Amino acid sequence: MKFEVTILGSSSATPVYNRNPTAQLLNCNEKFYLIDCGEGTQQQLIKFGIKASKIDYIFISHLHGDHYFGLIGLLSSMHLNGRIKPMYIFAPKAIQEILELQFKHSDTTLKYELVYFVIDPTQPAVIFQNNDVTVETIVLNHRIPCTGFKFTEKKRLRKLLVEKLEKDNVPLELYPLLKRGVDLDLPNGQVLKNIDYTTDSAQPKSYAYCSDTLMDERYFDSIKNCDTLYHEATFLHEMLERANETHHTTALQAAEVAKIVNAKKLLIGHFSSRYKSLNELLEEAKTVFQNTELAIEGITFQI
């Protein structure tokens, strides 16, 4: 099953050449989840050959423009391109008012439904789940209410040992029960032990997305032991005072978070426009957490 994230934007408040404001696309079993939607997101989707029509779920962390100014354009283009299936938007409450105001003054009536789910920024909660993934909020510490998102795969069914099943002439109609981990007592007295005919599926993986925030131990439990952690790293640590003023973190702090929560991999992003080269940020993070990579536009990371 695919579980991967493509970076669409990794800049902070102001875009710079070759870096767009924040946006990511998560692919879980060919279902697509857009995480934040900075200005130009739809152009990034086109640039990287991703069909916007595949997106059915959008998650907005907070209402600073670099995380949602691309949303009205994306939704409008979907309307013009004939979308009819609903779009599910998980976001702060005011997003509905903001979008409806823009549609009102452009005299736009969408051909499809927008289904809003209001995020509570005060406590972590499960906000969505289907057969593939569970999504939980991460309460962050930013200048305005802000949440991150943790995406965790659902545990898959057990894998059948087909050759052994065929060799022992196990009826096909029993396969689904064995996949679910059931031991079977047959009418003839035979017992089919699940462990003899199946192997366990892989452990579910998780992706934690921490957008704008101060380093704050209150969200550490929400991201503990995640497989891949995306954490904002707006500044180098020499600018810690500025980071604190703006409620952001440094590359060094992002690495410290990854180490504390026992993440397997760290992606850093949301880079200040002051940095033309990002190597210093990467090198700083690696002094604390070696398995760190830059969240560069167009790169797809396997979770």
C-alpha atoms as a PDB file:
ATOM      1  CA  MET A   1       0.000   0.000   0.000  1.00  0.00           C
ATOM      2  CA  LYS A   2       1.300   3.443  -0.882  1.00  0.00           C
ATOM      3  CA  PHE A   3       1.945   5.800   1.994  1.00  0.00           C
ATOM      4  CA  GLU A   4       3.935   8.791   0.798  1.00  0.00           C
ATOM      5  CA  VAL A   5       4.006  12.575   0.930  1.00  0.00           C
ATOM      6  CA  THR A   6       4.879  14.998  -1.877  1.00  0.00           C
ATOM      7  CA  ILE A   7       6.106  18.464  -0.969  1.00  0.00           C
ATOM      8  CA  LEU A   8       4.342  21.224  -2.915  1.00  0.00           C
ATOM      9  CA  GLY A   9       5.588  24.205  -0.934  1.00  0.00           C
ATOM     10  CA  SER A  10       8.160  24.765   1.819  1.00  0.00           C
ATOM     11  CA  SER A  11       8.527  28.528   2.196  1.00  0.00           C
ATOM     12  CA  SER A  12       7.285  30.551   5.150  1.00  0.00           C
ATOM     13  CA  ALA A  13       5.265  33.779   5.046  1.00  0.00           C
ATOM     14  CA  THR A  14       6.724  35.191   1.836  1.00  0.00           C
ATOM     15  CA  PRO A  15       7.489  33.069  -1.235  1.00  0.00           C
ATOM     16  CA  VAL A  16      10.928  33.204  -2.818  1.00  0.00           C
ATOM     17  CA  TYR A  17      12.281  32.030  -6.155  1.00  0.00           C
ATOM     18  CA  ASN A  18      11.892  28.235  -6.411  1.00  0.00           C
ATOM     19  CA  ARG A  19      10.063  28.001  -3.070  1.00  0.00           C
ATOM     20  CA  ASN A  20       6.300  28.259  -2.632  1.00  0.00           C
ATOM     21  CA  PRO A  21       4.280  28.670   0.580  1.00  0.00           C
ATOM     22  CA  THR A  22       3.345  25.578   2.537  1.00  0.00           C
ATOM     23  CA  ALA A  23       1.413  22.715   0.965  1.00  0.00           C
ATOM     24  CA  GLN A  24       1.819  18.930   0.933  1.00  0.00           C
ATOM     25  CA  LEU A  25      -0.034  16.040  -0.669  1.00  0.00           C
ATOM     26  CA  LEU A  26      -0.328  12.745   1.184  1.00  0.00           C
ATOM     27  CA  ASN A  27      -1.086   9.593  -0.810  1.00  0.00           C
ATOM     28  CA  CYS A  28      -2.474   6.752   1.270  1.00  0.00           C
ATOM     29  CA  ASN A  29      -3.560   3.787  -0.827  1.00  0.00           C
ATOM     30  CA  GLU A  30      -4.295   6.074  -3.809  1.00  0.00           C
ATOM     31  CA  LYS A  31      -6.521   8.360  -1.752  1.00  0.00           C
ATOM     32  CA  PHE A  32      -5.187  11.911  -1.669  1.00  0.00           C
ATOM     33  CA  TYR A  33      -5.118  14.325   1.263  1.00  0.00           C
ATOM     34  CA  LEU A  34      -4.005  17.942   0.799  1.00  0.00           C
ATOM     35  CA  ILE A  35      -2.288  19.365   3.868  1.00  0.00           C
ATOM     36  CA  ASP A  36      -2.379  23.176   3.868  1.00  0.00           C
ATOM     37  CA  CYS A  37      -2.821  25.137   0.664  1.00  0.00           C
ATOM     38  CA  GLY A  38      -0.511  28.119   0.319  1.00  0.00           C
ATOM     39  CA  GLU A  39      -0.651  30.508  -2.619  1.00  0.00           C
ATOM     40  CA  GLY A  40       0.068  28.790  -5.941  1.00  0.00           C
ATOM     41  CA  THR A  41      -0.703  25.267  -4.751  1.00  0.00           C
ATOM     42  CA  GLN A  42      -2.756  24.430  -7.843  1.00  0.00           C
ATOM     43  CA  GLN A  43       0.146  25.514 -10.062  1.00  0.00           C
ATOM     44  CA  GLN A  44       2.460  23.253  -8.088  1.00  0.00           C
ATOM     45  CA  LEU A  45       0.078  20.341  -8.627  1.00  0.00           C
ATOM     46  CA  ILE A  46       0.211  20.976 -12.364  1.00  0.00           C
ATOM     47  CA  LYS A  47       3.991  21.366 -12.304  1.00  0.00           C
ATOM     48  CA  PHE A  48       4.495  18.011 -10.633  1.00  0.00           C
ATOM     49  CA  GLY A  49       1.919  16.155 -12.723  1.00  0.00           C
ATOM     50  CA  ILE A  50      -0.665  15.628  -9.970  1.00  0.00           C
ATOM     51  CA  LYS A  51      -4.364  15.756 -10.832  1.00  0.00           C
ATOM     52  CA  ALA A  52      -6.215  18.049  -8.448  1.00  0.00           C
ATOM     53  CA  SER A  53      -9.394  16.105  -9.182  1.00  0.00           C
ATOM     54  CA  LYS A  54      -7.994  13.207  -7.137  1.00  0.00           C
ATOM     55  CA  ILE A  55      -8.062  15.270  -3.942  1.00  0.00           C
ATOM     56  CA  ASP A  56     -11.125  14.681  -1.766  1.00  0.00           C
ATOM     57  CA  TYR A  57      -9.846  15.850   1.636  1.00  0.00           C
ATOM     58  CA  ILE A  58      -8.183  19.134   2.594  1.00  0.00           C
ATOM     59  CA  PHE A  59      -6.664  19.876   6.011  1.00  0.00           C
ATOM     60  CA  ILE A  60      -5.832  23.482   6.957  1.00  0.00           C
ATOM     61  CA  SER A  61      -3.658  23.947  10.029  1.00  0.00           C
ATOM     62  CA  HIS A  62      -4.408  27.629  10.706  1.00  0.00           C
ATOM     63  CA  LEU A  63      -5.481  30.859   9.087  1.00  0.00           C
ATOM     64  CA  HIS A  64      -2.216  32.576   8.285  1.00  0.00           C
ATOM     65  CA  GLY A  65      -2.226  33.281   4.571  1.00  0.00           C
ATOM     66  CA  ASP A  66       0.822  31.216   3.660  1.00  0.00           C
ATOM     67  CA  HIS A  67      -1.160  28.134   4.698  1.00  0.00           C
ATOM     68  CA  TYR A  68      -4.472  28.755   2.926  1.00  0.00           C
ATOM     69  CA  PHE A  69      -4.357  31.607   0.365  1.00  0.00           C
ATOM     70  CA  GLY A  70      -4.271  29.043  -2.447  1.00  0.00           C
ATOM     71  CA  LEU A  71      -7.521  27.425  -1.377  1.00  0.00           C
ATOM     72  CA  ILE A  72     -10.031  29.718  -3.115  1.00  0.00           C
ATOM     73  CA  GLY A  73      -8.170  29.375  -6.401  1.00  0.00           C
ATOM     74  CA  LEU A  74      -7.964  25.601  -6.173  1.00  0.00           C
ATOM     75  CA  LEU A  75     -11.650  25.189  -5.318  1.00  0.00           C
ATOM     76  CA  SER A  76     -12.669  27.606  -8.077  1.00  0.00           C
ATOM     77  CA  SER A  77     -10.621  25.742 -10.680  1.00  0.00           C
ATOM     78  CA  MET A  78     -12.203  22.450  -9.624  1.00  0.00           C
ATOM     79  CA  HIS A  79     -15.609  24.090 -10.186  1.00  0.00           C
ATOM     80  CA  LEU A  80     -14.600  25.311 -13.649  1.00  0.00           C
ATOM     81  CA  ASN A  81     -13.246  21.865 -14.503  1.00  0.00           C
ATOM     82  CA  GLY A  82     -16.631  20.251 -13.753  1.00  0.00           C
ATOM     83  CA  ARG A  83     -16.106  18.653 -10.367  1.00  0.00           C
ATOM     84  CA  ILE A  84     -19.334  17.234  -8.928  1.00  0.00           C
ATOM     85  CA  LYS A  85     -18.171  15.058  -6.017  1.00  0.00           C
ATOM     86  CA  PRO A  86     -18.008  16.658  -2.536  1.00  0.00           C
ATOM     87  CA  MET A  87     -14.841  18.151  -1.066  1.00  0.00           C
ATOM     88  CA  TYR A  88     -14.240  17.613   2.643  1.00  0.00           C
ATOM     89  CA  ILE A  89     -12.469  20.483   4.407  1.00  0.00           C
ATOM     90  CA  PHE A  90     -11.044  20.141   7.931  1.00  0.00           C
ATOM     91  CA  ALA A  91     -10.099  23.598   9.161  1.00  0.00           C
ATOM     92  CA  PRO A  92     -10.652  26.358  11.717  1.00  0.00           C
ATOM     93  CA  LYS A  93     -14.268  27.512  11.919  1.00  0.00           C
ATOM     94  CA  ALA A  94     -13.727  30.809  10.094  1.00  0.00           C
ATOM     95  CA  ILE A  95     -12.676  29.119   6.851  1.00  0.00           C
ATOM     96  CA  GLN A  96     -16.320  28.676   5.833  1.00  0.00           C
ATOM     97  CA  GLU A  97     -17.055  32.377   6.295  1.00  0.00           C
ATOM     98  CA  ILE A  98     -13.908  33.334   4.369  1.00  0.00           C
ATOM     99  CA  LEU A  99     -14.672  31.088   1.403  1.00  0.00           C
ATOM    100  CA  GLU A 100     -18.360  31.943   1.249  1.00  0.00           C
ATOM    101  CA  LEU A 101     -17.555  35.661   1.219  1.00  0.00           C
ATOM    102  CA  GLN A 102     -15.215  35.226  -1.746  1.00  0.00           C
ATOM    103  CA  PHE A 103     -17.714  33.083  -3.647  1.00  0.00           C
ATOM    104  CA  LYS A 104     -20.478  35.594  -2.882  1.00  0.00           C
ATOM    105  CA  HIS A 105     -18.620  38.585  -4.325  1.00  0.00           C
ATOM    106  CA  SER A 106     -17.507  36.670  -7.406  1.00  0.00           C
ATOM    107  CA  ASP A 107     -21.081  35.457  -7.928  1.00  0.00           C
ATOM    108  CA  THR A 108     -19.862  31.860  -7.910  1.00  0.00           C
ATOM    109  CA  THR A 109     -22.084  28.902  -7.072  1.00  0.00           C
ATOM    110  CA  LEU A 110     -20.033  25.745  -6.946  1.00  0.00           C
ATOM    111  CA  LYS A 111     -21.231  22.688  -8.838  1.00  0.00           C
ATOM    112  CA  TYR A 112     -20.106  20.518  -5.943  1.00  0.00           C
ATOM    113  CA  GLU A 113     -20.616  20.518  -2.185  1.00  0.00           C
ATOM    114  CA  LEU A 114     -18.093  21.747   0.349  1.00  0.00           C
ATOM    115  CA  VAL A 115     -18.428  19.728   3.557  1.00  0.00           C
ATOM    116  CA  TYR A 116     -16.842  21.525   6.517  1.00  0.00           C
ATOM    117  CA  PHE A 117     -15.462  19.924   9.677  1.00  0.00           C
ATOM    118  CA  VAL A 118     -14.483  22.431  12.364  1.00  0.00           C
ATOM    119  CA  ILE A 119     -11.213  21.734  14.163  1.00  0.00           C
ATOM    120  CA  ASP A 120     -10.991  22.295  17.918  1.00  0.00           C
ATOM    121  CA  PRO A 121      -7.527  23.869  18.429  1.00  0.00           C
ATOM    122  CA  THR A 122      -7.550  23.303  22.191  1.00  0.00           C
ATOM    123  CA  GLN A 123      -7.306  19.518  22.459  1.00  0.00           C
ATOM    124  CA  PRO A 124      -6.067  16.643  20.289  1.00  0.00           C
ATOM    125  CA  ALA A 125      -8.777  14.488  18.738  1.00  0.00           C
ATOM    126  CA  VAL A 126      -9.456  11.964  16.000  1.00  0.00           C
ATOM    127  CA  ILE A 127     -11.119  14.007  13.249  1.00  0.00           C
ATOM    128  CA  PHE A 128     -11.319  11.505  10.399  1.00  0.00           C
ATOM    129  CA  GLN A 129     -10.899   7.829   9.619  1.00  0.00           C
ATOM    130  CA  ASN A 130     -11.656   5.421   6.814  1.00  0.00           C
ATOM    131  CA  ASN A 131     -10.433   1.933   5.869  1.00  0.00           C
ATOM    132  CA  ASP A 132      -6.933   3.253   5.141  1.00  0.00           C
ATOM    133  CA  VAL A 133      -6.008   5.928   7.642  1.00  0.00           C
ATOM    134  CA  THR A 134      -6.829   7.655  10.927  1.00  0.00           C
ATOM    135  CA  VAL A 135      -6.243  11.410  11.226  1.00  0.00           C
ATOM    136  CA  GLU A 136      -5.664  13.098  14.589  1.00  0.00           C
ATOM    137  CA  THR A 137      -5.014  16.733  15.428  1.00  0.00           C
ATOM    138  CA  ILE A 138      -1.856  17.953  17.159  1.00  0.00           C
ATOM    139  CA  VAL A 139      -2.341  21.054  19.309  1.00  0.00           C
ATOM    140  CA  LEU A 140       0.518  23.450  18.501  1.00  0.00           C
ATOM    141  CA  ASN A 141       1.686  26.701  20.069  1.00  0.00           C
ATOM    142  CA  HIS A 142       1.520  29.477  17.506  1.00  0.00           C
ATOM    143  CA  ARG A 143       0.499  33.141  17.453  1.00  0.00           C
ATOM    144  CA  ILE A 144      -3.050  32.156  16.491  1.00  0.00           C
ATOM    145  CA  PRO A 145      -4.823  28.812  17.064  1.00  0.00           C
ATOM    146  CA  CYS A 146      -2.981  26.174  15.069  1.00  0.00           C
ATOM    147  CA  THR A 147      -3.107  22.399  14.768  1.00  0.00           C
ATOM    148  CA  GLY A 148      -0.890  19.831  13.154  1.00  0.00           C
ATOM    149  CA  PHE A 149      -2.121  16.502  11.841  1.00  0.00           C
ATOM    150  CA  LYS A 150      -1.026  12.920  12.425  1.00  0.00           C
ATOM    151  CA  PHE A 151      -1.920  10.377   9.759  1.00  0.00           C
ATOM    152  CA  THR A 152      -1.695   6.736  10.852  1.00  0.00           C
ATOM    153  CA  GLU A 153      -2.241   3.763   8.564  1.00  0.00           C
ATOM    154  CA  LYS A 154      -4.915   1.281   9.507  1.00  0.00           C
ATOM    155  CA  LYS A 155      -3.642  -2.186  10.342  1.00  0.00           C
ATOM    156  CA  ARG A 156      -3.966  -4.372   7.263  1.00  0.00           C
ATOM    157  CA  LEU A 157      -5.422  -7.890   7.249  1.00  0.00           C
ATOM    158  CA  ARG A 158      -3.090 -10.841   7.629  1.00  0.00           C
ATOM    159  CA  LYS A 159      -1.357 -12.185   4.530  1.00  0.00           C
ATOM    160  CA  LEU A 160      -2.362 -15.608   3.251  1.00  0.00           C
ATOM    161  CA  LEU A 161       0.170 -18.361   2.577  1.00  0.00           C
ATOM    162  CA  VAL A 162      -1.588 -19.322  -0.634  1.00  0.00           C
ATOM    163  CA  GLU A 163       0.669 -22.226  -1.618  1.00  0.00           C
ATOM    164  CA  LYS A 164       0.148 -23.922   1.738  1.00  0.00           C
ATOM    165  CA  LEU A 165      -3.605 -23.292   1.606  1.00  0.00           C
ATOM    166  CA  GLU A 166      -3.813 -24.858  -1.855  1.00  0.00           C
ATOM    167  CA  LYS A 167      -1.627 -27.786  -0.853  1.00  0.00           C
ATOM    168  CA  ASP A 168      -3.918 -28.562   2.100  1.00  0.00           C
ATOM    169  CA  ASN A 169      -7.057 -28.048  -0.022  1.00  0.00           C
ATOM    170  CA  VAL A 170      -8.448 -25.352   2.241  1.00  0.00           C
ATOM    171  CA  PRO A 171     -11.734 -24.094   0.678  1.00  0.00           C
ATOM    172  CA  LEU A 172     -11.589 -20.600  -0.825  1.00  0.00           C
ATOM    173  CA  GLU A 173     -14.592 -19.461   1.197  1.00  0.00           C
ATOM    174  CA  LEU A 174     -12.506 -19.785   4.379  1.00  0.00           C
ATOM    175  CA  TYR A 175      -9.765 -17.430   3.191  1.00  0.00           C
ATOM    176  CA  PRO A 176     -11.459 -14.192   4.391  1.00  0.00           C
ATOM    177  CA  LEU A 177     -11.823 -15.579   7.927  1.00  0.00           C
ATOM    178  CA  LEU A 178      -8.181 -16.631   8.027  1.00  0.00           C
ATOM    179  CA  LYS A 179      -7.123 -13.154   6.842  1.00  0.00           C
ATOM    180  CA  ARG A 180      -9.002 -11.732   9.817  1.00  0.00           C
ATOM    181  CA  GLY A 181      -6.997 -13.888  12.227  1.00  0.00           C
ATOM    182  CA  VAL A 182      -9.671 -16.485  13.019  1.00  0.00           C
ATOM    183  CA  ASP A 183      -8.898 -20.119  13.953  1.00  0.00           C
ATOM    184  CA  LEU A 184     -11.422 -22.438  12.311  1.00  0.00           C
ATOM    185  CA  ASP A 185     -13.091 -25.558  13.757  1.00  0.00           C
ATOM    186  CA  LEU A 186     -14.320 -27.603  10.809  1.00  0.00           C
ATOM    187  CA  PRO A 187     -17.315 -30.023  10.977  1.00  0.00           C
ATOM    188  CA  ASN A 188     -14.967 -33.008  10.512  1.00  0.00           C
ATOM    189  CA  GLY A 189     -13.119 -32.077  13.685  1.00  0.00           C
ATOM    190  CA  GLN A 190     -10.145 -30.554  11.906  1.00  0.00           C
ATOM    191  CA  VAL A 191      -8.780 -27.299  13.331  1.00  0.00           C
ATOM    192  CA  LEU A 192      -7.182 -24.765  11.002  1.00  0.00           C
ATOM    193  CA  LYS A 193      -4.817 -22.606  13.022  1.00  0.00           C
ATOM    194  CA  ASN A 194      -4.575 -19.123  11.602  1.00  0.00           C
ATOM    195  CA  ILE A 195      -0.875 -18.912  12.350  1.00  0.00           C
ATOM    196  CA  ASP A 196      -0.231 -21.944  10.113  1.00  0.00           C
ATOM    197  CA  TYR A 197      -1.749 -20.320   7.034  1.00  0.00           C
ATOM    198  CA  THR A 198      -1.077 -16.601   7.381  1.00  0.00           C
ATOM    199  CA  THR A 199       1.615 -14.123   8.303  1.00  0.00           C
ATOM    200  CA  ASP A 200       1.103 -10.820  10.067  1.00  0.00           C
ATOM    201  CA  SER A 201       0.879  -7.665   7.977  1.00  0.00           C
ATOM    202  CA  ALA A 202       3.359  -4.828   8.386  1.00  0.00           C
ATOM    203  CA  GLN A 203       3.070  -2.532  11.382  1.00  0.00           C
ATOM    204  CA  PRO A 204       1.067   0.603  10.539  1.00  0.00           C
ATOM    205  CA  LYS A 205       3.186   3.679   9.862  1.00  0.00           C
ATOM    206  CA  SER A 206       2.490   7.258  10.859  1.00  0.00           C
ATOM    207  CA  TYR A 207       3.192  10.709   9.445  1.00  0.00           C
ATOM    208  CA  ALA A 208       3.094  13.712  11.761  1.00  0.00           C
ATOM    209  CA  TYR A 209       2.783  17.197  10.318  1.00  0.00           C
ATOM    210  CA  CYS A 210       3.734  20.041  12.660  1.00  0.00           C
ATOM    211  CA  SER A 211       3.252  23.389  10.985  1.00  0.00           C
ATOM    212  CA  ASP A 212       3.878  26.724  12.707  1.00  0.00           C
ATOM    213  CA  THR A 213       4.732  26.381  16.384  1.00  0.00           C
ATOM    214  CA  LEU A 214       7.054  27.150  19.213  1.00  0.00           C
ATOM    215  CA  MET A 215       8.907  24.139  20.545  1.00  0.00           C
ATOM    216  CA  ASP A 216       6.491  23.028  23.265  1.00  0.00           C
ATOM    217  CA  GLU A 217       6.591  19.736  25.141  1.00  0.00           C
ATOM    218  CA  ARG A 218       2.786  19.703  25.362  1.00  0.00           C
ATOM    219  CA  TYR A 219       2.495  18.296  21.824  1.00  0.00           C
ATOM    220  CA  PHE A 220       5.267  15.706  22.174  1.00  0.00           C
ATOM    221  CA  ASP A 221       2.969  12.870  23.259  1.00  0.00           C
ATOM    222  CA  SER A 222       0.847  13.352  20.123  1.00  0.00           C
ATOM    223  CA  ILE A 223       3.802  12.645  17.834  1.00  0.00           C
ATOM    224  CA  LYS A 224       5.728  10.095  19.898  1.00  0.00           C
ATOM    225  CA  ASN A 225       7.358   7.280  17.882  1.00  0.00           C
ATOM    226  CA  CYS A 226       6.083   8.555  14.523  1.00  0.00           C
ATOM    227  CA  ASP A 227       7.786   7.089  11.476  1.00  0.00           C
ATOM    228  CA  THR A 228       8.196  10.407   9.678  1.00  0.00           C
ATOM    229  CA  LEU A 229       7.934  13.800  11.352  1.00  0.00           C
ATOM    230  CA  TYR A 230       7.564  17.002   9.363  1.00  0.00           C
ATOM    231  CA  HIS A 231       8.434  19.937  11.605  1.00  0.00           C
ATOM    232  CA  GLU A 232       8.737  23.587  10.723  1.00  0.00           C
ATOM    233  CA  ALA A 233      12.274  24.958  10.965  1.00  0.00           C
ATOM    234  CA  THR A 234      11.896  28.586   9.961  1.00  0.00           C
ATOM    235  CA  PHE A 235      15.223  29.905  11.289  1.00  0.00           C
ATOM    236  CA  LEU A 236      18.738  28.920  12.203  1.00  0.00           C
ATOM    237  CA  HIS A 237      19.250  28.717  15.974  1.00  0.00           C
ATOM    238  CA  GLU A 238      21.288  31.941  15.969  1.00  0.00           C
ATOM    239  CA  MET A 239      17.903  33.630  15.405  1.00  0.00           C
ATOM    240  CA  LEU A 240      16.193  31.975  18.373  1.00  0.00           C
ATOM    241  CA  GLU A 241      14.966  35.318  19.719  1.00  0.00           C
ATOM    242  CA  ARG A 242      13.236  36.068  16.414  1.00  0.00           C
ATOM    243  CA  ALA A 243      11.808  32.544  16.340  1.00  0.00           C
ATOM    244  CA  ASN A 244      10.321  33.038  19.796  1.00  0.00           C
ATOM    245  CA  GLU A 245       8.877  36.432  18.842  1.00  0.00           C
ATOM    246  CA  THR A 246       7.078  34.947  15.836  1.00  0.00           C
ATOM    247  CA  HIS A 247       6.150  31.649  17.504  1.00  0.00           C
ATOM    248  CA  HIS A 248       8.329  29.525  15.258  1.00  0.00           C
ATOM    249  CA  THR A 249      11.105  26.996  15.787  1.00  0.00           C
ATOM    250  CA  THR A 250      14.700  26.730  14.649  1.00  0.00           C
ATOM    251  CA  ALA A 251      16.277  23.869  12.725  1.00  0.00           C
ATOM    252  CA  LEU A 252      18.126  22.835  15.878  1.00  0.00           C
ATOM    253  CA  GLN A 253      14.894  22.761  17.903  1.00  0.00           C
ATOM    254  CA  ALA A 254      13.081  20.731  15.234  1.00  0.00           C
ATOM    255  CA  ALA A 255      15.858  18.156  15.462  1.00  0.00           C
ATOM    256  CA  GLU A 256      15.636  18.140  19.241  1.00  0.00           C
ATOM    257  CA  VAL A 257      11.902  17.446  18.989  1.00  0.00           C
ATOM    258  CA  ALA A 258      12.526  14.535  16.608  1.00  0.00           C
ATOM    259  CA  LYS A 259      15.079  13.074  19.002  1.00  0.00           C
ATOM    260  CA  ILE A 260      12.869  13.489  22.074  1.00  0.00           C
ATOM    261  CA  VAL A 261       9.801  11.872  20.473  1.00  0.00           C
ATOM    262  CA  ASN A 262      11.847   9.047  18.934  1.00  0.00           C
ATOM    263  CA  ALA A 263      10.873   9.791  15.338  1.00  0.00           C
ATOM    264  CA  LYS A 264      12.500   7.621  12.695  1.00  0.00           C
ATOM    265  CA  LYS A 265      12.900  10.395  10.106  1.00  0.00           C
ATOM    266  CA  LEU A 266      12.659  14.189  10.220  1.00  0.00           C
ATOM    267  CA  LEU A 267      11.645  16.495   7.379  1.00  0.00           C
ATOM    268  CA  ILE A 268      12.195  20.204   7.953  1.00  0.00           C
ATOM    269  CA  GLY A 269      10.466  23.019   6.072  1.00  0.00           C
ATOM    270  CA  HIS A 270       8.699  26.398   6.308  1.00  0.00           C
ATOM    271  CA  PHE A 271      12.000  28.123   5.604  1.00  0.00           C
ATOM    272  CA  SER A 272      12.403  31.866   6.021  1.00  0.00           C
ATOM    273  CA  SER A 273      12.892  33.775   2.766  1.00  0.00           C
ATOM    274  CA  ARG A 274      16.147  35.145   4.185  1.00  0.00           C
ATOM    275  CA  TYR A 275      17.818  31.813   3.379  1.00  0.00           C
ATOM    276  CA  LYS A 276      18.720  31.459  -0.295  1.00  0.00           C
ATOM    277  CA  SER A 277      20.583  28.225   0.437  1.00  0.00           C
ATOM    278  CA  LEU A 278      19.101  25.697   2.860  1.00  0.00           C
ATOM    279  CA  ASN A 279      22.239  23.699   3.545  1.00  0.00           C
ATOM    280  CA  GLU A 280      22.966  25.520   6.804  1.00  0.00           C
ATOM    281  CA  LEU A 281      19.538  24.608   8.158  1.00  0.00           C
ATOM    282  CA  LEU A 282      20.031  20.970   7.207  1.00  0.00           C
ATOM    283  CA  GLU A 283      23.517  20.814   8.691  1.00  0.00           C
ATOM    284  CA  GLU A 284      22.322  22.408  11.937  1.00  0.00           C
ATOM    285  CA  ALA A 285      19.505  19.884  12.325  1.00  0.00           C
ATOM    286  CA  LYS A 286      21.830  16.976  11.574  1.00  0.00           C
ATOM    287  CA  THR A 287      24.087  17.874  14.491  1.00  0.00           C
ATOM    288  CA  VAL A 288      21.236  16.627  16.708  1.00  0.00           C
ATOM    289  CA  PHE A 289      19.231  14.260  14.496  1.00  0.00           C
ATOM    290  CA  GLN A 290      21.174  12.684  11.659  1.00  0.00           C
ATOM    291  CA  ASN A 291      18.231  11.267   9.701  1.00  0.00           C
ATOM    292  CA  THR A 292      16.988  14.690   8.612  1.00  0.00           C
ATOM    293  CA  GLU A 293      16.039  15.801   5.102  1.00  0.00           C
ATOM    294  CA  LEU A 294      14.895  19.063   3.575  1.00  0.00           C
ATOM    295  CA  ALA A 295      11.257  19.265   2.494  1.00  0.00           C
ATOM    296  CA  ILE A 296      12.024  20.394  -1.045  1.00  0.00           C
ATOM    297  CA  GLU A 297       9.290  21.052  -3.622  1.00  0.00           C
ATOM    298  CA  GLY A 298       8.630  18.128  -5.917  1.00  0.00           C
ATOM    299  CA  ILE A 299      10.242  15.469  -3.751  1.00  0.00           C
ATOM    300  CA  THR A 300       8.093  12.523  -2.693  1.00  0.00           C
ATOM    301  CA  PHE A 301       9.048  10.874   0.587  1.00  0.00           C
ATOM    302  CA  GLN A 302       8.031   7.313   1.466  1.00  0.00           C
ATOM    303  CA  ILE A 303       6.684   7.198   5.016  1.00  0.00           C
END
